[in-house]
Amino acid sequence: MRTKYFWKFLLMMLSVSLTSSAADKSVNRQVMERLIKLADQPVKYLPKMVATDDDAYEYCESILSRTDKEYARDTADINARLRQAEWVLSNKRLLSPKEAKKYKNYNEVKLELLYDLARIDMEEIPVRYMLATQYCNRMLLMRAEAMKRVMPDGELEGLRYSESGSSRPWRVDFELYRDWTTKKYMLRGYIHDRNGRDQLVVCQVDKTVRQHIRSLIEKYQLQKLITYYGLPPSFPKHAQPLGGPPSWSLRLDLEGGMLSSGSDGMGLFSGSEELVGYLRQILTEAATQ
């Protein structure tokens, strides 16, 4: 629904002339009065979601900090602006000096500005709006699904967490799993050796470790993480960022179900520092024994 203006605009460009004669003998007075009134209003800035490609990207980046009500208000404002721009261009007209005298506050310069701004709106907004809403709708849907998710019952059976492009000075790749040969739970991951190189460590862990990890899941409500935190779409005039936050992947297997999430450069989840610190501490202590 939110992308309909893009296609309506293309059809309108084929069917409606954006130029008009200096005089229009079939002027509808109500239409003309509304045009004059709109032209006399102060110019309104574009909403941030569609102001520029850079603004649209930033809006998408922060969409999960906005409430559903705020997002609905943002899209309603843009829809109203597009409807007005479409109406203005469909009814665009200028009057002869004789006809103009019949209308109070008729100002040809202001009307020309109104038409130019409406044209710019219909050229600039639709594609940007389509890309932004497709992304935002998907993210908010995943958030709504995640907020309904409950913490699975039972003990922690397995864990896998890794980061790519991390600024941490060591490799971040942890796995807690059950060795079905020995029936013991094992933790594998990396620490730095004496030479500052990544050293793979594998050690056995007891039930208290798994219980502590579960307590961290509950503390930071990791069951509420959305399935995937993807980057905003590529807007034509926005330079894709270089570097930035790492990508990460998290999987938690509990007796009552599995939790998984991941991110493509959209920042670490709350609790990641404590989880990584705890796992590294266990591996470091095991390597020094």
C-alpha atoms as a PDB file:
ATOM      1  CA  MET A   1       0.000   0.000   0.000  1.00  0.00           C
ATOM      2  CA  ARG A   2       2.801   2.379   0.849  1.00  0.00           C
ATOM      3  CA  THR A   3       4.424   1.988  -2.585  1.00  0.00           C
ATOM      4  CA  LYS A   4       1.329   2.729  -4.626  1.00  0.00           C
ATOM      5  CA  TYR A   5       2.334   6.347  -5.134  1.00  0.00           C
ATOM      6  CA  PHE A   6       5.415   5.325  -7.082  1.00  0.00           C
ATOM      7  CA  TRP A   7       3.361   3.503  -9.700  1.00  0.00           C
ATOM      8  CA  LYS A   8       0.561   6.041  -9.668  1.00  0.00           C
ATOM      9  CA  PHE A   9       3.115   8.731 -10.355  1.00  0.00           C
ATOM     10  CA  LEU A  10       4.439   6.904 -13.422  1.00  0.00           C
ATOM     11  CA  LEU A  11       0.916   6.561 -14.794  1.00  0.00           C
ATOM     12  CA  MET A  12       0.160  10.178 -13.985  1.00  0.00           C
ATOM     13  CA  MET A  13       3.230  11.354 -15.880  1.00  0.00           C
ATOM     14  CA  LEU A  14       1.850   9.612 -18.958  1.00  0.00           C
ATOM     15  CA  SER A  15      -1.679  10.937 -18.637  1.00  0.00           C
ATOM     16  CA  VAL A  16      -1.355  14.402 -17.086  1.00  0.00           C
ATOM     17  CA  SER A  17       0.503  17.279 -18.704  1.00  0.00           C
ATOM     18  CA  LEU A  18       2.685  19.153 -16.268  1.00  0.00           C
ATOM     19  CA  THR A  19       2.464  22.328 -18.311  1.00  0.00           C
ATOM     20  CA  SER A  20      -0.581  24.456 -18.809  1.00  0.00           C
ATOM     21  CA  SER A  21      -1.539  27.476 -20.818  1.00  0.00           C
ATOM     22  CA  ALA A  22      -1.383  30.955 -19.341  1.00  0.00           C
ATOM     23  CA  ALA A  23      -5.150  31.012 -19.289  1.00  0.00           C
ATOM     24  CA  ASP A  24      -7.663  28.283 -18.529  1.00  0.00           C
ATOM     25  CA  LYS A  25     -11.233  29.176 -19.414  1.00  0.00           C
ATOM     26  CA  SER A  26     -12.658  26.115 -17.622  1.00  0.00           C
ATOM     27  CA  VAL A  27     -11.433  27.034 -14.173  1.00  0.00           C
ATOM     28  CA  ASN A  28     -13.153  25.338 -11.270  1.00  0.00           C
ATOM     29  CA  ARG A  29     -13.374  28.025  -8.612  1.00  0.00           C
ATOM     30  CA  GLN A  30     -13.049  25.657  -5.633  1.00  0.00           C
ATOM     31  CA  VAL A  31     -10.000  24.045  -7.175  1.00  0.00           C
ATOM     32  CA  MET A  32      -8.398  27.395  -7.912  1.00  0.00           C
ATOM     33  CA  GLU A  33      -9.054  28.696  -4.423  1.00  0.00           C
ATOM     34  CA  ARG A  34      -7.505  25.607  -2.905  1.00  0.00           C
ATOM     35  CA  LEU A  35      -4.410  25.983  -5.106  1.00  0.00           C
ATOM     36  CA  ILE A  36      -4.057  29.628  -4.061  1.00  0.00           C
ATOM     37  CA  LYS A  37      -4.429  28.665  -0.399  1.00  0.00           C
ATOM     38  CA  LEU A  38      -1.780  25.935  -0.680  1.00  0.00           C
ATOM     39  CA  ALA A  39       0.587  28.280  -2.506  1.00  0.00           C
ATOM     40  CA  ASP A  40       0.216  30.849   0.280  1.00  0.00           C
ATOM     41  CA  GLN A  41       1.266  28.390   3.009  1.00  0.00           C
ATOM     42  CA  PRO A  42       4.885  28.225   4.281  1.00  0.00           C
ATOM     43  CA  VAL A  43       7.057  25.620   2.575  1.00  0.00           C
ATOM     44  CA  LYS A  44       7.239  22.458   4.702  1.00  0.00           C
ATOM     45  CA  TYR A  45      10.405  20.433   5.050  1.00  0.00           C
ATOM     46  CA  LEU A  46      10.296  16.837   3.872  1.00  0.00           C
ATOM     47  CA  PRO A  47       9.896  14.234   6.638  1.00  0.00           C
ATOM     48  CA  LYS A  48      13.244  12.691   7.636  1.00  0.00           C
ATOM     49  CA  MET A  49      12.322   9.278   6.256  1.00  0.00           C
ATOM     50  CA  VAL A  50      12.358  10.644   2.696  1.00  0.00           C
ATOM     51  CA  ALA A  51      14.204  13.981   2.930  1.00  0.00           C
ATOM     52  CA  THR A  52      17.422  12.670   1.332  1.00  0.00           C
ATOM     53  CA  ASP A  53      18.958   9.273   0.699  1.00  0.00           C
ATOM     54  CA  ASP A  54      21.279   9.813   3.680  1.00  0.00           C
ATOM     55  CA  ASP A  55      18.324  10.733   5.917  1.00  0.00           C
ATOM     56  CA  ALA A  56      16.351   7.720   4.701  1.00  0.00           C
ATOM     57  CA  TYR A  57      19.271   5.414   5.534  1.00  0.00           C
ATOM     58  CA  GLU A  58      19.618   6.902   9.029  1.00  0.00           C
ATOM     59  CA  TYR A  59      15.879   6.587   9.589  1.00  0.00           C
ATOM     60  CA  CYS A  60      16.007   2.895   8.648  1.00  0.00           C
ATOM     61  CA  GLU A  61      19.002   2.338  10.932  1.00  0.00           C
ATOM     62  CA  SER A  62      17.033   3.653  13.898  1.00  0.00           C
ATOM     63  CA  ILE A  63      13.634   2.145  13.066  1.00  0.00           C
ATOM     64  CA  LEU A  64      13.681  -0.251  16.031  1.00  0.00           C
ATOM     65  CA  SER A  65      13.926   2.719  18.387  1.00  0.00           C
ATOM     66  CA  ARG A  66      10.584   4.024  17.117  1.00  0.00           C
ATOM     67  CA  THR A  67       7.205   2.817  18.305  1.00  0.00           C
ATOM     68  CA  ASP A  68       4.586   1.441  15.943  1.00  0.00           C
ATOM     69  CA  LYS A  69       2.510   4.551  16.619  1.00  0.00           C
ATOM     70  CA  GLU A  70       5.381   6.880  15.709  1.00  0.00           C
ATOM     71  CA  TYR A  71       6.055   4.945  12.502  1.00  0.00           C
ATOM     72  CA  ALA A  72       2.359   5.042  11.576  1.00  0.00           C
ATOM     73  CA  ARG A  73       2.373   8.807  12.080  1.00  0.00           C
ATOM     74  CA  ASP A  74       5.497   9.185   9.924  1.00  0.00           C
ATOM     75  CA  THR A  75       4.034   7.193   7.045  1.00  0.00           C
ATOM     76  CA  ALA A  76       0.678   8.976   7.332  1.00  0.00           C
ATOM     77  CA  ASP A  77       2.445  12.340   6.962  1.00  0.00           C
ATOM     78  CA  ILE A  78       4.266  11.172   3.850  1.00  0.00           C
ATOM     79  CA  ASN A  79       1.125   9.641   2.339  1.00  0.00           C
ATOM     80  CA  ALA A  80      -0.713  12.922   2.871  1.00  0.00           C
ATOM     81  CA  ARG A  81       2.115  14.870   1.250  1.00  0.00           C
ATOM     82  CA  LEU A  82       2.147  12.579  -1.778  1.00  0.00           C
ATOM     83  CA  ARG A  83      -1.616  12.807  -2.161  1.00  0.00           C
ATOM     84  CA  GLN A  84      -1.400  16.593  -2.065  1.00  0.00           C
ATOM     85  CA  ALA A  85       1.455  16.709  -4.589  1.00  0.00           C
ATOM     86  CA  GLU A  86      -0.433  14.384  -6.906  1.00  0.00           C
ATOM     87  CA  TRP A  87      -3.566  16.540  -6.639  1.00  0.00           C
ATOM     88  CA  VAL A  88      -1.619  19.765  -7.257  1.00  0.00           C
ATOM     89  CA  LEU A  89       0.014  18.408 -10.403  1.00  0.00           C
ATOM     90  CA  SER A  90      -3.289  16.996 -11.656  1.00  0.00           C
ATOM     91  CA  ASN A  91      -4.953  20.399 -11.243  1.00  0.00           C
ATOM     92  CA  LYS A  92      -2.054  22.668 -12.157  1.00  0.00           C
ATOM     93  CA  ARG A  93      -3.129  25.880 -13.880  1.00  0.00           C
ATOM     94  CA  LEU A  94      -2.266  29.545 -14.287  1.00  0.00           C
ATOM     95  CA  LEU A  95      -4.730  32.313 -15.052  1.00  0.00           C
ATOM     96  CA  SER A  96      -4.813  35.192 -17.463  1.00  0.00           C
ATOM     97  CA  PRO A  97      -4.609  38.665 -15.874  1.00  0.00           C
ATOM     98  CA  LYS A  98      -8.352  39.078 -16.451  1.00  0.00           C
ATOM     99  CA  GLU A  99      -9.224  35.779 -14.712  1.00  0.00           C
ATOM    100  CA  ALA A 100      -6.705  36.381 -11.938  1.00  0.00           C
ATOM    101  CA  LYS A 101      -8.542  39.515 -10.814  1.00  0.00           C
ATOM    102  CA  LYS A 102     -11.481  37.359  -9.706  1.00  0.00           C
ATOM    103  CA  TYR A 103      -9.369  35.687  -7.003  1.00  0.00           C
ATOM    104  CA  LYS A 104      -8.083  37.273  -3.846  1.00  0.00           C
ATOM    105  CA  ASN A 105      -4.408  36.597  -3.073  1.00  0.00           C
ATOM    106  CA  TYR A 106      -3.697  35.185  -6.534  1.00  0.00           C
ATOM    107  CA  ASN A 107       0.095  35.120  -6.883  1.00  0.00           C
ATOM    108  CA  GLU A 108       1.569  33.528  -9.972  1.00  0.00           C
ATOM    109  CA  VAL A 109       5.085  33.324  -8.506  1.00  0.00           C
ATOM    110  CA  LYS A 110       3.844  31.417  -5.466  1.00  0.00           C
ATOM    111  CA  LEU A 111       1.781  29.096  -7.658  1.00  0.00           C
ATOM    112  CA  GLU A 112       4.789  28.311  -9.841  1.00  0.00           C
ATOM    113  CA  LEU A 113       6.752  27.492  -6.685  1.00  0.00           C
ATOM    114  CA  LEU A 114       3.931  25.255  -5.464  1.00  0.00           C
ATOM    115  CA  TYR A 115       3.957  23.345  -8.762  1.00  0.00           C
ATOM    116  CA  ASP A 116       7.746  23.006  -8.744  1.00  0.00           C
ATOM    117  CA  LEU A 117       7.747  21.661  -5.187  1.00  0.00           C
ATOM    118  CA  ALA A 118       4.970  19.197  -5.989  1.00  0.00           C
ATOM    119  CA  ARG A 119       6.922  17.979  -9.015  1.00  0.00           C
ATOM    120  CA  ILE A 120      10.058  17.529  -6.905  1.00  0.00           C
ATOM    121  CA  ASP A 121       8.063  15.609  -4.279  1.00  0.00           C
ATOM    122  CA  MET A 122       6.705  13.204  -6.867  1.00  0.00           C
ATOM    123  CA  GLU A 123      10.136  12.747  -8.418  1.00  0.00           C
ATOM    124  CA  GLU A 124      12.112  12.372  -5.174  1.00  0.00           C
ATOM    125  CA  ILE A 125       9.844  10.660  -2.660  1.00  0.00           C
ATOM    126  CA  PRO A 126       8.256   7.512  -4.204  1.00  0.00           C
ATOM    127  CA  VAL A 127      11.339   5.320  -4.820  1.00  0.00           C
ATOM    128  CA  ARG A 128      12.987   6.401  -1.558  1.00  0.00           C
ATOM    129  CA  TYR A 129       9.727   5.793   0.291  1.00  0.00           C
ATOM    130  CA  MET A 130       9.268   2.373  -1.262  1.00  0.00           C
ATOM    131  CA  LEU A 131      12.760   1.209  -0.236  1.00  0.00           C
ATOM    132  CA  ALA A 132      12.448   2.623   3.284  1.00  0.00           C
ATOM    133  CA  THR A 133       9.019   1.185   4.038  1.00  0.00           C
ATOM    134  CA  GLN A 134       9.860  -2.250   2.670  1.00  0.00           C
ATOM    135  CA  TYR A 135      12.778  -2.430   5.108  1.00  0.00           C
ATOM    136  CA  CYS A 136      10.999  -0.812   8.062  1.00  0.00           C
ATOM    137  CA  ASN A 137       7.867  -2.953   7.657  1.00  0.00           C
ATOM    138  CA  ARG A 138       9.980  -6.103   7.692  1.00  0.00           C
ATOM    139  CA  MET A 139      11.981  -5.049  10.761  1.00  0.00           C
ATOM    140  CA  LEU A 140       8.900  -4.019  12.726  1.00  0.00           C
ATOM    141  CA  LEU A 141       7.150  -7.282  11.838  1.00  0.00           C
ATOM    142  CA  MET A 142      10.117  -9.270  13.155  1.00  0.00           C
ATOM    143  CA  ARG A 143      10.123  -7.113  16.283  1.00  0.00           C
ATOM    144  CA  ALA A 144       6.440  -7.808  16.879  1.00  0.00           C
ATOM    145  CA  GLU A 145       7.061 -11.544  16.509  1.00  0.00           C
ATOM    146  CA  ALA A 146      10.071 -11.414  18.855  1.00  0.00           C
ATOM    147  CA  MET A 147       8.156  -9.534  21.549  1.00  0.00           C
ATOM    148  CA  LYS A 148       5.680 -12.420  21.735  1.00  0.00           C
ATOM    149  CA  ARG A 149       8.445 -14.976  22.185  1.00  0.00           C
ATOM    150  CA  VAL A 150       8.814 -16.580  25.613  1.00  0.00           C
ATOM    151  CA  MET A 151      11.893 -18.056  27.212  1.00  0.00           C
ATOM    152  CA  PRO A 152      12.123 -21.795  26.464  1.00  0.00           C
ATOM    153  CA  ASP A 153      12.029 -24.127  29.435  1.00  0.00           C
ATOM    154  CA  GLY A 154      14.807 -26.415  30.532  1.00  0.00           C
ATOM    155  CA  GLU A 155      18.575 -26.395  30.688  1.00  0.00           C
ATOM    156  CA  LEU A 156      20.987 -25.003  28.117  1.00  0.00           C
ATOM    157  CA  GLU A 157      22.004 -27.775  25.720  1.00  0.00           C
ATOM    158  CA  GLY A 158      24.232 -25.835  23.352  1.00  0.00           C
ATOM    159  CA  LEU A 159      25.540 -22.441  22.308  1.00  0.00           C
ATOM    160  CA  ARG A 160      27.246 -20.990  19.236  1.00  0.00           C
ATOM    161  CA  TYR A 161      28.375 -17.372  19.072  1.00  0.00           C
ATOM    162  CA  SER A 162      30.716 -15.705  16.603  1.00  0.00           C
ATOM    163  CA  GLU A 163      31.628 -12.226  15.401  1.00  0.00           C
ATOM    164  CA  SER A 164      33.015 -11.136  12.047  1.00  0.00           C
ATOM    165  CA  GLY A 165      34.834  -7.842  11.572  1.00  0.00           C
ATOM    166  CA  SER A 166      35.040  -7.381  15.324  1.00  0.00           C
ATOM    167  CA  SER A 167      37.333  -4.764  16.849  1.00  0.00           C
ATOM    168  CA  ARG A 168      38.196  -7.182  19.642  1.00  0.00           C
ATOM    169  CA  PRO A 169      41.887  -8.139  19.650  1.00  0.00           C
ATOM    170  CA  TRP A 170      41.107 -11.872  19.551  1.00  0.00           C
ATOM    171  CA  ARG A 171      38.989 -14.168  17.443  1.00  0.00           C
ATOM    172  CA  VAL A 172      35.408 -14.404  18.672  1.00  0.00           C
ATOM    173  CA  ASP A 173      34.061 -17.868  17.942  1.00  0.00           C
ATOM    174  CA  PHE A 174      32.592 -19.905  20.807  1.00  0.00           C
ATOM    175  CA  GLU A 175      30.740 -23.186  20.884  1.00  0.00           C
ATOM    176  CA  LEU A 176      29.267 -25.088  23.814  1.00  0.00           C
ATOM    177  CA  TYR A 177      28.201 -28.580  22.848  1.00  0.00           C
ATOM    178  CA  ARG A 178      27.693 -32.073  24.204  1.00  0.00           C
ATOM    179  CA  ASP A 179      30.253 -34.698  23.311  1.00  0.00           C
ATOM    180  CA  TRP A 180      28.035 -37.688  22.704  1.00  0.00           C
ATOM    181  CA  THR A 181      30.952 -40.087  23.123  1.00  0.00           C
ATOM    182  CA  THR A 182      31.762 -39.024  26.667  1.00  0.00           C
ATOM    183  CA  LYS A 183      28.334 -37.469  27.438  1.00  0.00           C
ATOM    184  CA  LYS A 184      30.214 -34.431  28.762  1.00  0.00           C
ATOM    185  CA  TYR A 185      29.553 -30.785  27.882  1.00  0.00           C
ATOM    186  CA  MET A 186      32.462 -29.047  26.206  1.00  0.00           C
ATOM    187  CA  LEU A 187      33.332 -25.414  25.487  1.00  0.00           C
ATOM    188  CA  ARG A 188      35.616 -24.445  22.638  1.00  0.00           C
ATOM    189  CA  GLY A 189      36.857 -20.981  21.714  1.00  0.00           C
ATOM    190  CA  TYR A 190      39.902 -18.771  21.291  1.00  0.00           C
ATOM    191  CA  ILE A 191      42.196 -16.858  23.609  1.00  0.00           C
ATOM    192  CA  HIS A 192      45.586 -15.225  22.992  1.00  0.00           C
ATOM    193  CA  ASP A 193      48.709 -17.233  23.615  1.00  0.00           C
ATOM    194  CA  ARG A 194      51.943 -15.731  24.972  1.00  0.00           C
ATOM    195  CA  ASN A 195      52.857 -14.468  21.509  1.00  0.00           C
ATOM    196  CA  GLY A 196      49.532 -12.689  21.048  1.00  0.00           C
ATOM    197  CA  ARG A 197      48.210 -15.237  18.564  1.00  0.00           C
ATOM    198  CA  ASP A 198      44.810 -16.884  18.619  1.00  0.00           C
ATOM    199  CA  GLN A 199      44.922 -20.165  20.504  1.00  0.00           C
ATOM    200  CA  LEU A 200      42.069 -22.665  20.293  1.00  0.00           C
ATOM    201  CA  VAL A 201      41.080 -24.032  23.694  1.00  0.00           C
ATOM    202  CA  VAL A 202      38.653 -26.866  24.392  1.00  0.00           C
ATOM    203  CA  CYS A 203      37.595 -27.683  27.925  1.00  0.00           C
ATOM    204  CA  GLN A 204      34.917 -29.534  29.837  1.00  0.00           C
ATOM    205  CA  VAL A 205      32.276 -27.455  31.641  1.00  0.00           C
ATOM    206  CA  ASP A 206      29.909 -28.411  34.406  1.00  0.00           C
ATOM    207  CA  LYS A 207      26.246 -27.686  34.990  1.00  0.00           C
ATOM    208  CA  THR A 208      26.918 -24.413  36.815  1.00  0.00           C
ATOM    209  CA  VAL A 209      28.379 -22.910  33.617  1.00  0.00           C
ATOM    210  CA  ARG A 210      25.292 -23.799  31.618  1.00  0.00           C
ATOM    211  CA  GLN A 211      23.087 -22.456  34.401  1.00  0.00           C
ATOM    212  CA  HIS A 212      24.993 -19.171  34.430  1.00  0.00           C
ATOM    213  CA  ILE A 213      24.663 -18.782  30.660  1.00  0.00           C
ATOM    214  CA  ARG A 214      20.943 -19.390  30.955  1.00  0.00           C
ATOM    215  CA  SER A 215      20.772 -16.704  33.647  1.00  0.00           C
ATOM    216  CA  LEU A 216      22.464 -14.284  31.221  1.00  0.00           C
ATOM    217  CA  ILE A 217      19.865 -15.141  28.576  1.00  0.00           C
ATOM    218  CA  GLU A 218      17.117 -14.312  31.053  1.00  0.00           C
ATOM    219  CA  LYS A 219      18.884 -11.195  32.356  1.00  0.00           C
ATOM    220  CA  TYR A 220      19.209  -9.640  28.892  1.00  0.00           C
ATOM    221  CA  GLN A 221      16.015 -11.225  27.511  1.00  0.00           C
ATOM    222  CA  LEU A 222      17.839 -12.661  24.532  1.00  0.00           C
ATOM    223  CA  GLN A 223      14.677 -14.510  23.537  1.00  0.00           C
ATOM    224  CA  LYS A 224      13.388 -11.076  22.451  1.00  0.00           C
ATOM    225  CA  LEU A 225      16.128 -10.601  19.844  1.00  0.00           C
ATOM    226  CA  ILE A 226      14.701 -10.441  16.351  1.00  0.00           C
ATOM    227  CA  THR A 227      15.663 -13.122  13.870  1.00  0.00           C
ATOM    228  CA  TYR A 228      18.016 -10.982  11.786  1.00  0.00           C
ATOM    229  CA  TYR A 229      19.241  -7.398  12.054  1.00  0.00           C
ATOM    230  CA  GLY A 230      19.990  -6.625   8.417  1.00  0.00           C
ATOM    231  CA  LEU A 231      21.490  -3.434   7.033  1.00  0.00           C
ATOM    232  CA  PRO A 232      19.136  -0.833   5.518  1.00  0.00           C
ATOM    233  CA  PRO A 233      18.672  -0.954   1.736  1.00  0.00           C
ATOM    234  CA  SER A 234      21.020   0.730  -0.725  1.00  0.00           C
ATOM    235  CA  PHE A 235      19.702   4.196  -1.502  1.00  0.00           C
ATOM    236  CA  PRO A 236      21.099   5.515  -4.815  1.00  0.00           C
ATOM    237  CA  LYS A 237      22.797   8.647  -3.426  1.00  0.00           C
ATOM    238  CA  HIS A 238      23.919   7.194  -0.104  1.00  0.00           C
ATOM    239  CA  ALA A 239      27.468   5.890   0.151  1.00  0.00           C
ATOM    240  CA  GLN A 240      27.480   2.490   1.814  1.00  0.00           C
ATOM    241  CA  PRO A 241      29.367   2.675   5.139  1.00  0.00           C
ATOM    242  CA  LEU A 242      32.798   1.115   5.460  1.00  0.00           C
ATOM    243  CA  GLY A 243      33.789  -0.634   8.663  1.00  0.00           C
ATOM    244  CA  GLY A 244      31.311  -0.063  11.458  1.00  0.00           C
ATOM    245  CA  PRO A 245      29.964  -2.582  13.969  1.00  0.00           C
ATOM    246  CA  PRO A 246      30.790  -6.276  13.516  1.00  0.00           C
ATOM    247  CA  SER A 247      28.454  -8.872  12.145  1.00  0.00           C
ATOM    248  CA  TRP A 248      27.492 -11.603  14.582  1.00  0.00           C
ATOM    249  CA  SER A 249      25.575 -14.826  14.845  1.00  0.00           C
ATOM    250  CA  LEU A 250      24.031 -16.350  17.981  1.00  0.00           C
ATOM    251  CA  ARG A 251      22.354 -19.709  18.484  1.00  0.00           C
ATOM    252  CA  LEU A 252      21.095 -21.031  21.822  1.00  0.00           C
ATOM    253  CA  ASP A 253      19.757 -24.563  22.210  1.00  0.00           C
ATOM    254  CA  LEU A 254      17.643 -25.211  25.280  1.00  0.00           C
ATOM    255  CA  GLU A 255      15.624 -28.278  26.242  1.00  0.00           C
ATOM    256  CA  GLY A 256      12.411 -26.382  25.475  1.00  0.00           C
ATOM    257  CA  GLY A 257      13.447 -24.893  22.153  1.00  0.00           C
ATOM    258  CA  MET A 258      16.033 -23.048  20.099  1.00  0.00           C
ATOM    259  CA  LEU A 259      16.783 -19.305  19.914  1.00  0.00           C
ATOM    260  CA  SER A 260      18.766 -17.725  17.100  1.00  0.00           C
ATOM    261  CA  SER A 261      19.606 -14.258  15.906  1.00  0.00           C
ATOM    262  CA  GLY A 262      22.212 -12.444  13.860  1.00  0.00           C
ATOM    263  CA  SER A 263      23.255  -9.063  12.595  1.00  0.00           C
ATOM    264  CA  ASP A 264      24.935  -7.680   9.498  1.00  0.00           C
ATOM    265  CA  GLY A 265      26.824  -4.709  10.905  1.00  0.00           C
ATOM    266  CA  MET A 266      23.959  -3.278  12.959  1.00  0.00           C
ATOM    267  CA  GLY A 267      25.642  -3.328  16.377  1.00  0.00           C
ATOM    268  CA  LEU A 268      26.063  -5.941  19.103  1.00  0.00           C
ATOM    269  CA  PHE A 269      23.164  -7.092  21.229  1.00  0.00           C
ATOM    270  CA  SER A 270      22.840  -6.049  24.855  1.00  0.00           C
ATOM    271  CA  GLY A 271      24.662  -8.571  26.998  1.00  0.00           C
ATOM    272  CA  SER A 272      27.236  -9.616  24.392  1.00  0.00           C
ATOM    273  CA  GLU A 273      30.111  -8.123  26.379  1.00  0.00           C
ATOM    274  CA  GLU A 274      29.203 -10.043  29.536  1.00  0.00           C
ATOM    275  CA  LEU A 275      28.625 -13.280  27.627  1.00  0.00           C
ATOM    276  CA  VAL A 276      31.943 -13.062  25.754  1.00  0.00           C
ATOM    277  CA  GLY A 277      33.824 -12.062  28.898  1.00  0.00           C
ATOM    278  CA  TYR A 278      32.422 -15.005  30.828  1.00  0.00           C
ATOM    279  CA  LEU A 279      33.254 -17.556  28.124  1.00  0.00           C
ATOM    280  CA  ARG A 280      36.795 -16.202  27.679  1.00  0.00           C
ATOM    281  CA  GLN A 281      37.373 -16.331  31.426  1.00  0.00           C
ATOM    282  CA  ILE A 282      36.496 -20.044  31.488  1.00  0.00           C
ATOM    283  CA  LEU A 283      38.779 -20.804  28.541  1.00  0.00           C
ATOM    284  CA  THR A 284      41.648 -18.720  29.953  1.00  0.00           C
ATOM    285  CA  GLU A 285      41.450 -20.513  33.295  1.00  0.00           C
ATOM    286  CA  ALA A 286      41.349 -23.903  31.557  1.00  0.00           C
ATOM    287  CA  ALA A 287      44.416 -23.043  29.445  1.00  0.00           C
ATOM    288  CA  THR A 288      46.480 -22.107  32.506  1.00  0.00           C
ATOM    289  CA  GLN A 289      45.724 -25.236  34.511  1.00  0.00           C
END
